[in-house]
Amino acid sequence: MTDSAIAARMLNALEAAADREAGQKTALVSVTIDMLKRADAGSINVGVTRKTKSLVFMSADFVSDAGARIATANSVHKLSQ
């Protein structure tokens, strides 16, 4: 799997999780992705870091099937007003 494919999967997971957490469609404000290693396959774990009245802060890890952390991401999403 390419780094760009991992990044795209992580971004999609972050956006979907932010929308679920907000209960509405959100707009991506910023995202930082750190690629640590290469991997052929893996899974993504997403969590809410913090939530305010207008923003949702998310984090994600891409973990290989063997359990190694491959990439990390942090994002900020704005709630619709």
PDB file of N, CA and C in Angstrom:
ATOM      1  N   MET A   1       0.853  -1.173   0.000  1.00  0.00           N
ATOM      2  CA  MET A   1       0.000   0.000   0.000  1.00  0.00           C
ATOM      3  C   MET A   1       0.898   1.234   0.000  1.00  0.00           C
ATOM      4  N   THR A   2       0.566   2.205  -0.817  1.00  0.00           N
ATOM      5  CA  THR A   2       1.365   3.428  -0.887  1.00  0.00           C
ATOM      6  C   THR A   2       1.060   4.353   0.289  1.00  0.00           C
ATOM      7  N   ASP A   3       1.990   5.259   0.547  1.00  0.00           N
ATOM      8  CA  ASP A   3       1.772   6.248   1.605  1.00  0.00           C
ATOM      9  C   ASP A   3       0.529   7.087   1.319  1.00  0.00           C
ATOM     10  N   SER A   4       0.326   7.447   0.052  1.00  0.00           N
ATOM     11  CA  SER A   4      -0.842   8.273  -0.293  1.00  0.00           C
ATOM     12  C   SER A   4      -2.142   7.501  -0.083  1.00  0.00           C
ATOM     13  N   ALA A   5      -2.138   6.205  -0.310  1.00  0.00           N
ATOM     14  CA  ALA A   5      -3.344   5.393  -0.075  1.00  0.00           C
ATOM     15  C   ALA A   5      -3.652   5.323   1.423  1.00  0.00           C
ATOM     16  N   ILE A   6      -2.610   5.166   2.230  1.00  0.00           N
ATOM     17  CA  ILE A   6      -2.809   5.160   3.687  1.00  0.00           C
ATOM     18  C   ILE A   6      -3.349   6.509   4.141  1.00  0.00           C
ATOM     19  N   ALA A   7      -2.763   7.598   3.647  1.00  0.00           N
ATOM     20  CA  ALA A   7      -3.208   8.944   4.023  1.00  0.00           C
ATOM     21  C   ALA A   7      -4.670   9.165   3.627  1.00  0.00           C
ATOM     22  N   ALA A   8      -5.050   8.733   2.431  1.00  0.00           N
ATOM     23  CA  ALA A   8      -6.443   8.902   1.984  1.00  0.00           C
ATOM     24  C   ALA A   8      -7.398   8.108   2.866  1.00  0.00           C
ATOM     25  N   ARG A   9      -7.035   6.880   3.213  1.00  0.00           N
ATOM     26  CA  ARG A   9      -7.892   6.073   4.101  1.00  0.00           C
ATOM     27  C   ARG A   9      -8.032   6.726   5.467  1.00  0.00           C
ATOM     28  N   MET A  10      -6.931   7.254   5.988  1.00  0.00           N
ATOM     29  CA  MET A  10      -6.985   7.902   7.301  1.00  0.00           C
ATOM     30  C   MET A  10      -7.852   9.153   7.259  1.00  0.00           C
ATOM     31  N   LEU A  11      -7.703   9.963   6.209  1.00  0.00           N
ATOM     32  CA  LEU A  11      -8.502  11.181   6.089  1.00  0.00           C
ATOM     33  C   LEU A  11      -9.982  10.852   5.985  1.00  0.00           C
ATOM     34  N   ASN A  12     -10.334   9.850   5.191  1.00  0.00           N
ATOM     35  CA  ASN A  12     -11.738   9.433   5.080  1.00  0.00           C
ATOM     36  C   ASN A  12     -12.281   8.982   6.437  1.00  0.00           C
ATOM     37  N   ALA A  13     -11.487   8.219   7.179  1.00  0.00           N
ATOM     38  CA  ALA A  13     -11.923   7.738   8.496  1.00  0.00           C
ATOM     39  C   ALA A  13     -12.096   8.888   9.477  1.00  0.00           C
ATOM     40  N   LEU A  14     -11.168   9.854   9.453  1.00  0.00           N
ATOM     41  CA  LEU A  14     -11.271  11.015  10.339  1.00  0.00           C
ATOM     42  C   LEU A  14     -12.511  11.841  10.035  1.00  0.00           C
ATOM     43  N   GLU A  15     -12.777  12.097   8.748  1.00  0.00           N
ATOM     44  CA  GLU A  15     -13.947  12.894   8.371  1.00  0.00           C
ATOM     45  C   GLU A  15     -15.248  12.195   8.751  1.00  0.00           C
ATOM     46  N   ALA A  16     -15.335  10.898   8.512  1.00  0.00           N
ATOM     47  CA  ALA A  16     -16.556  10.153   8.854  1.00  0.00           C
ATOM     48  C   ALA A  16     -16.777  10.136  10.365  1.00  0.00           C
ATOM     49  N   ALA A  17     -15.710   9.938  11.128  1.00  0.00           N
ATOM     50  CA  ALA A  17     -15.838   9.912  12.591  1.00  0.00           C
ATOM     51  C   ALA A  17     -16.211  11.288  13.139  1.00  0.00           C
ATOM     52  N   ALA A  18     -15.655  12.352  12.575  1.00  0.00           N
ATOM     53  CA  ALA A  18     -15.998  13.712  13.016  1.00  0.00           C
ATOM     54  C   ALA A  18     -17.472  14.005  12.739  1.00  0.00           C
ATOM     55  N   ASP A  19     -17.966  13.597  11.566  1.00  0.00           N
ATOM     56  CA  ASP A  19     -19.382  13.788  11.232  1.00  0.00           C
ATOM     57  C   ASP A  19     -20.281  13.029  12.212  1.00  0.00           C
ATOM     58  N   ARG A  20     -19.898  11.790  12.532  1.00  0.00           N
ATOM     59  CA  ARG A  20     -20.687  11.002  13.494  1.00  0.00           C
ATOM     60  C   ARG A  20     -20.688  11.662  14.865  1.00  0.00           C
ATOM     61  N   GLU A  21     -19.521  12.101  15.315  1.00  0.00           N
ATOM     62  CA  GLU A  21     -19.407  12.736  16.637  1.00  0.00           C
ATOM     63  C   GLU A  21     -20.219  14.019  16.702  1.00  0.00           C
ATOM     64  N   ALA A  22     -20.207  14.807  15.625  1.00  0.00           N
ATOM     65  CA  ALA A  22     -20.929  16.082  15.596  1.00  0.00           C
ATOM     66  C   ALA A  22     -22.412  15.895  15.331  1.00  0.00           C
ATOM     67  N   GLY A  23     -22.787  14.751  14.773  1.00  0.00           N
ATOM     68  CA  GLY A  23     -24.188  14.537  14.420  1.00  0.00           C
ATOM     69  C   GLY A  23     -24.609  15.342  13.205  1.00  0.00           C
ATOM     70  N   GLN A  24     -23.638  15.796  12.448  1.00  0.00           N
ATOM     71  CA  GLN A  24     -23.883  16.600  11.253  1.00  0.00           C
ATOM     72  C   GLN A  24     -22.633  16.581  10.383  1.00  0.00           C
ATOM     73  N   LYS A  25     -22.755  17.110   9.189  1.00  0.00           N
ATOM     74  CA  LYS A  25     -21.609  17.227   8.293  1.00  0.00           C
ATOM     75  C   LYS A  25     -20.666  18.295   8.836  1.00  0.00           C
ATOM     76  N   THR A  26     -19.368  17.987   8.854  1.00  0.00           N
ATOM     77  CA  THR A  26     -18.361  18.936   9.309  1.00  0.00           C
ATOM     78  C   THR A  26     -17.455  19.322   8.138  1.00  0.00           C
ATOM     79  N   ALA A  27     -16.717  20.394   8.310  1.00  0.00           N
ATOM     80  CA  ALA A  27     -15.751  20.834   7.314  1.00  0.00           C
ATOM     81  C   ALA A  27     -14.348  20.633   7.882  1.00  0.00           C
ATOM     82  N   LEU A  28     -13.471  20.042   7.099  1.00  0.00           N
ATOM     83  CA  LEU A  28     -12.091  19.845   7.523  1.00  0.00           C
ATOM     84  C   LEU A  28     -11.375  21.192   7.582  1.00  0.00           C
ATOM     85  N   VAL A  29     -10.778  21.496   8.737  1.00  0.00           N
ATOM     86  CA  VAL A  29     -10.028  22.734   8.918  1.00  0.00           C
ATOM     87  C   VAL A  29      -8.536  22.459   8.687  1.00  0.00           C
ATOM     88  N   SER A  30      -8.036  21.404   9.324  1.00  0.00           N
ATOM     89  CA  SER A  30      -6.625  21.057   9.157  1.00  0.00           C
ATOM     90  C   SER A  30      -6.409  19.584   9.455  1.00  0.00           C
ATOM     91  N   VAL A  31      -5.329  19.054   8.878  1.00  0.00           N
ATOM     92  CA  VAL A  31      -4.943  17.670   9.155  1.00  0.00           C
ATOM     93  C   VAL A  31      -3.427  17.561   9.058  1.00  0.00           C
ATOM     94  N   THR A  32      -2.856  16.774   9.967  1.00  0.00           N
ATOM     95  CA  THR A  32      -1.434  16.459   9.955  1.00  0.00           C
ATOM     96  C   THR A  32      -1.310  14.941   9.968  1.00  0.00           C
ATOM     97  N   ILE A  33      -0.562  14.407   9.018  1.00  0.00           N
ATOM     98  CA  ILE A  33      -0.350  12.962   8.949  1.00  0.00           C
ATOM     99  C   ILE A  33       1.147  12.705   9.008  1.00  0.00           C
ATOM    100  N   ASP A  34       1.552  11.833   9.917  1.00  0.00           N
ATOM    101  CA  ASP A  34       2.955  11.437  10.059  1.00  0.00           C
ATOM    102  C   ASP A  34       3.086   9.975   9.650  1.00  0.00           C
ATOM    103  N   MET A  35       3.887   9.731   8.619  1.00  0.00           N
ATOM    104  CA  MET A  35       4.131   8.375   8.147  1.00  0.00           C
ATOM    105  C   MET A  35       5.370   7.856   8.875  1.00  0.00           C
ATOM    106  N   LEU A  36       5.237   6.740   9.570  1.00  0.00           N
ATOM    107  CA  LEU A  36       6.322   6.218  10.382  1.00  0.00           C
ATOM    108  C   LEU A  36       7.042   5.046   9.729  1.00  0.00           C
ATOM    109  N   LYS A  37       6.293   4.194   9.018  1.00  0.00           N
ATOM    110  CA  LYS A  37       6.841   2.988   8.385  1.00  0.00           C
ATOM    111  C   LYS A  37       6.025   2.696   7.138  1.00  0.00           C
ATOM    112  N   ARG A  38       6.425   1.668   6.409  1.00  0.00           N
ATOM    113  CA  ARG A  38       5.656   1.199   5.266  1.00  0.00           C
ATOM    114  C   ARG A  38       4.900  -0.062   5.678  1.00  0.00           C
ATOM    115  N   ALA A  39       3.747  -0.275   5.035  1.00  0.00           N
ATOM    116  CA  ALA A  39       2.954  -1.467   5.327  1.00  0.00           C
ATOM    117  C   ALA A  39       2.110  -1.820   4.117  1.00  0.00           C
ATOM    118  N   ASP A  40       1.766  -3.095   4.008  1.00  0.00           N
ATOM    119  CA  ASP A  40       0.905  -3.547   2.919  1.00  0.00           C
ATOM    120  C   ASP A  40      -0.563  -3.510   3.301  1.00  0.00           C
ATOM    121  N   ALA A  41      -0.842  -3.690   4.568  1.00  0.00           N
ATOM    122  CA  ALA A  41      -2.239  -3.710   5.018  1.00  0.00           C
ATOM    123  C   ALA A  41      -2.292  -3.316   6.485  1.00  0.00           C
ATOM    124  N   GLY A  42      -3.489  -2.957   6.928  1.00  0.00           N
ATOM    125  CA  GLY A  42      -3.650  -2.599   8.325  1.00  0.00           C
ATOM    126  C   GLY A  42      -5.038  -2.064   8.593  1.00  0.00           C
ATOM    127  N   SER A  43      -5.224  -1.557   9.800  1.00  0.00           N
ATOM    128  CA  SER A  43      -6.522  -1.011  10.200  1.00  0.00           C
ATOM    129  C   SER A  43      -6.318   0.359  10.829  1.00  0.00           C
ATOM    130  N   ILE A  44      -7.421   1.104  10.890  1.00  0.00           N
ATOM    131  CA  ILE A  44      -7.376   2.471  11.402  1.00  0.00           C
ATOM    132  C   ILE A  44      -8.202   2.554  12.678  1.00  0.00           C
ATOM    133  N   ASN A  45      -7.605   3.139  13.705  1.00  0.00           N
ATOM    134  CA  ASN A  45      -8.296   3.410  14.964  1.00  0.00           C
ATOM    135  C   ASN A  45      -8.452   4.913  15.087  1.00  0.00           C
ATOM    136  N   VAL A  46      -9.698   5.383  15.240  1.00  0.00           N
ATOM    137  CA  VAL A  46      -9.993   6.816  15.294  1.00  0.00           C
ATOM    138  C   VAL A  46     -10.618   7.159  16.634  1.00  0.00           C
ATOM    139  N   GLY A  47     -10.251   8.306  17.184  1.00  0.00           N
ATOM    140  CA  GLY A  47     -10.841   8.756  18.438  1.00  0.00           C
ATOM    141  C   GLY A  47     -11.000  10.263  18.479  1.00  0.00           C
ATOM    142  N   VAL A  48     -11.892  10.693  19.357  1.00  0.00           N
ATOM    143  CA  VAL A  48     -12.110  12.124  19.569  1.00  0.00           C
ATOM    144  C   VAL A  48     -11.115  12.585  20.622  1.00  0.00           C
ATOM    145  N   THR A  49     -10.366  13.633  20.306  1.00  0.00           N
ATOM    146  CA  THR A  49      -9.417  14.203  21.253  1.00  0.00           C
ATOM    147  C   THR A  49     -10.093  15.252  22.128  1.00  0.00           C
ATOM    148  N   ARG A  50     -10.919  16.088  21.467  1.00  0.00           N
ATOM    149  CA  ARG A  50     -11.621  17.154  22.187  1.00  0.00           C
ATOM    150  C   ARG A  50     -12.755  17.653  21.321  1.00  0.00           C
ATOM    151  N   LYS A  51     -13.783  18.209  21.948  1.00  0.00           N
ATOM    152  CA  LYS A  51     -14.915  18.772  21.215  1.00  0.00           C
ATOM    153  C   LYS A  51     -15.334  20.070  21.885  1.00  0.00           C
ATOM    154  N   THR A  52     -15.514  21.120  21.078  1.00  0.00           N
ATOM    155  CA  THR A  52     -16.020  22.393  21.580  1.00  0.00           C
ATOM    156  C   THR A  52     -17.358  22.663  20.899  1.00  0.00           C
ATOM    157  N   LYS A  53     -17.905  23.844  21.110  1.00  0.00           N
ATOM    158  CA  LYS A  53     -19.185  24.184  20.479  1.00  0.00           C
ATOM    159  C   LYS A  53     -19.079  24.256  18.967  1.00  0.00           C
ATOM    160  N   SER A  54     -17.887  24.579  18.454  1.00  0.00           N
ATOM    161  CA  SER A  54     -17.755  24.764  17.005  1.00  0.00           C
ATOM    162  C   SER A  54     -16.719  23.871  16.335  1.00  0.00           C
ATOM    163  N   LEU A  55     -15.910  23.145  17.108  1.00  0.00           N
ATOM    164  CA  LEU A  55     -14.855  22.320  16.534  1.00  0.00           C
ATOM    165  C   LEU A  55     -14.828  20.924  17.136  1.00  0.00           C
ATOM    166  N   VAL A  56     -14.377  19.952  16.321  1.00  0.00           N
ATOM    167  CA  VAL A  56     -14.125  18.591  16.790  1.00  0.00           C
ATOM    168  C   VAL A  56     -12.673  18.272  16.462  1.00  0.00           C
ATOM    169  N   PHE A  57     -11.908  17.846  17.448  1.00  0.00           N
ATOM    170  CA  PHE A  57     -10.506  17.484  17.283  1.00  0.00           C
ATOM    171  C   PHE A  57     -10.424  15.956  17.291  1.00  0.00           C
ATOM    172  N   MET A  58      -9.801  15.388  16.261  1.00  0.00           N
ATOM    173  CA  MET A  58      -9.749  13.937  16.102  1.00  0.00           C
ATOM    174  C   MET A  58      -8.303  13.462  16.035  1.00  0.00           C
ATOM    175  N   SER A  59      -8.095  12.182  16.340  1.00  0.00           N
ATOM    176  CA  SER A  59      -6.791  11.557  16.146  1.00  0.00           C
ATOM    177  C   SER A  59      -7.011  10.167  15.570  1.00  0.00           C
ATOM    178  N   ALA A  60      -6.009   9.667  14.859  1.00  0.00           N
ATOM    179  CA  ALA A  60      -6.115   8.346  14.250  1.00  0.00           C
ATOM    180  C   ALA A  60      -4.739   7.695  14.186  1.00  0.00           C
ATOM    181  N   ASP A  61      -4.744   6.368  14.268  1.00  0.00           N
ATOM    182  CA  ASP A  61      -3.537   5.561  14.083  1.00  0.00           C
ATOM    183  C   ASP A  61      -3.828   4.524  13.014  1.00  0.00           C
ATOM    184  N   PHE A  62      -2.888   4.339  12.104  1.00  0.00           N
ATOM    185  CA  PHE A  62      -2.945   3.238  11.150  1.00  0.00           C
ATOM    186  C   PHE A  62      -1.998   2.186  11.678  1.00  0.00           C
ATOM    187  N   VAL A  63      -2.522   0.991  11.955  1.00  0.00           N
ATOM    188  CA  VAL A  63      -1.757  -0.080  12.586  1.00  0.00           C
ATOM    189  C   VAL A  63      -1.695  -1.263  11.627  1.00  0.00           C
ATOM    190  N   SER A  64      -0.494  -1.817  11.441  1.00  0.00           N
ATOM    191  CA  SER A  64      -0.334  -2.970  10.554  1.00  0.00           C
ATOM    192  C   SER A  64      -1.030  -4.188  11.151  1.00  0.00           C
ATOM    193  N   ASP A  65      -1.215  -5.203  10.327  1.00  0.00           N
ATOM    194  CA  ASP A  65      -1.825  -6.443  10.805  1.00  0.00           C
ATOM    195  C   ASP A  65      -0.995  -7.089  11.911  1.00  0.00           C
ATOM    196  N   ALA A  66       0.312  -6.795  11.938  1.00  0.00           N
ATOM    197  CA  ALA A  66       1.196  -7.328  12.980  1.00  0.00           C
ATOM    198  C   ALA A  66       1.172  -6.478  14.249  1.00  0.00           C
ATOM    199  N   GLY A  67       0.463  -5.332  14.200  1.00  0.00           N
ATOM    200  CA  GLY A  67       0.326  -4.491  15.385  1.00  0.00           C
ATOM    201  C   GLY A  67       1.265  -3.305  15.448  1.00  0.00           C
ATOM    202  N   ALA A  68       2.109  -3.116  14.426  1.00  0.00           N
ATOM    203  CA  ALA A  68       3.035  -1.975  14.414  1.00  0.00           C
ATOM    204  C   ALA A  68       2.302  -0.711  13.980  1.00  0.00           C
ATOM    205  N   ARG A  69       2.616   0.408  14.643  1.00  0.00           N
ATOM    206  CA  ARG A  69       2.012   1.677  14.244  1.00  0.00           C
ATOM    207  C   ARG A  69       2.718   2.168  12.986  1.00  0.00           C
ATOM    208  N   ILE A  70       1.941   2.397  11.931  1.00  0.00           N
ATOM    209  CA  ILE A  70       2.467   2.775  10.626  1.00  0.00           C
ATOM    210  C   ILE A  70       2.361   4.280  10.405  1.00  0.00           C
ATOM    211  N   ALA A  71       1.257   4.881  10.832  1.00  0.00           N
ATOM    212  CA  ALA A  71       1.032   6.307  10.630  1.00  0.00           C
ATOM    213  C   ALA A  71       0.126   6.839  11.729  1.00  0.00           C
ATOM    214  N   THR A  72       0.270   8.141  12.005  1.00  0.00           N
ATOM    215  CA  THR A  72      -0.613   8.814  12.949  1.00  0.00           C
ATOM    216  C   THR A  72      -1.157  10.063  12.266  1.00  0.00           C
ATOM    217  N   ALA A  73      -2.330  10.497  12.720  1.00  0.00           N
ATOM    218  CA  ALA A  73      -2.937  11.698  12.147  1.00  0.00           C
ATOM    219  C   ALA A  73      -3.709  12.448  13.227  1.00  0.00           C
ATOM    220  N   ASN A  74      -3.728  13.758  13.081  1.00  0.00           N
ATOM    221  CA  ASN A  74      -4.537  14.634  13.933  1.00  0.00           C
ATOM    222  C   ASN A  74      -5.273  15.601  13.017  1.00  0.00           C
ATOM    223  N   SER A  75      -6.547  15.844  13.318  1.00  0.00           N
ATOM    224  CA  SER A  75      -7.329  16.742  12.472  1.00  0.00           C
ATOM    225  C   SER A  75      -8.265  17.597  13.309  1.00  0.00           C
ATOM    226  N   VAL A  76      -8.690  18.710  12.686  1.00  0.00           N
ATOM    227  CA  VAL A  76      -9.651  19.622  13.287  1.00  0.00           C
ATOM    228  C   VAL A  76     -10.776  19.787  12.273  1.00  0.00           C
ATOM    229  N   HIS A  77     -12.018  19.696  12.751  1.00  0.00           N
ATOM    230  CA  HIS A  77     -13.205  19.791  11.901  1.00  0.00           C
ATOM    231  C   HIS A  77     -14.154  20.827  12.479  1.00  0.00           C
ATOM    232  N   LYS A  78     -14.671  21.683  11.618  1.00  0.00           N
ATOM    233  CA  LYS A  78     -15.589  22.745  12.037  1.00  0.00           C
ATOM    234  C   LYS A  78     -17.019  22.280  11.861  1.00  0.00           C
ATOM    235  N   LEU A  79     -17.833  22.499  12.881  1.00  0.00           N
ATOM    236  CA  LEU A  79     -19.252  22.175  12.801  1.00  0.00           C
ATOM    237  C   LEU A  79     -19.978  23.240  12.013  1.00  0.00           C
ATOM    238  N   SER A  80     -21.001  22.839  11.280  1.00  0.00           N
ATOM    239  CA  SER A  80     -21.823  23.808  10.557  1.00  0.00           C
ATOM    240  C   SER A  80     -22.601  24.629  11.569  1.00  0.00           C
ATOM    241  N   GLN A  81     -22.804  25.881  11.264  1.00  0.00           N
ATOM    242  CA  GLN A  81     -23.535  26.759  12.190  1.00  0.00           C
ATOM    243  C   GLN A  81     -24.976  26.868  11.792  1.00  0.00           C
TER     244      GLN A  81
END
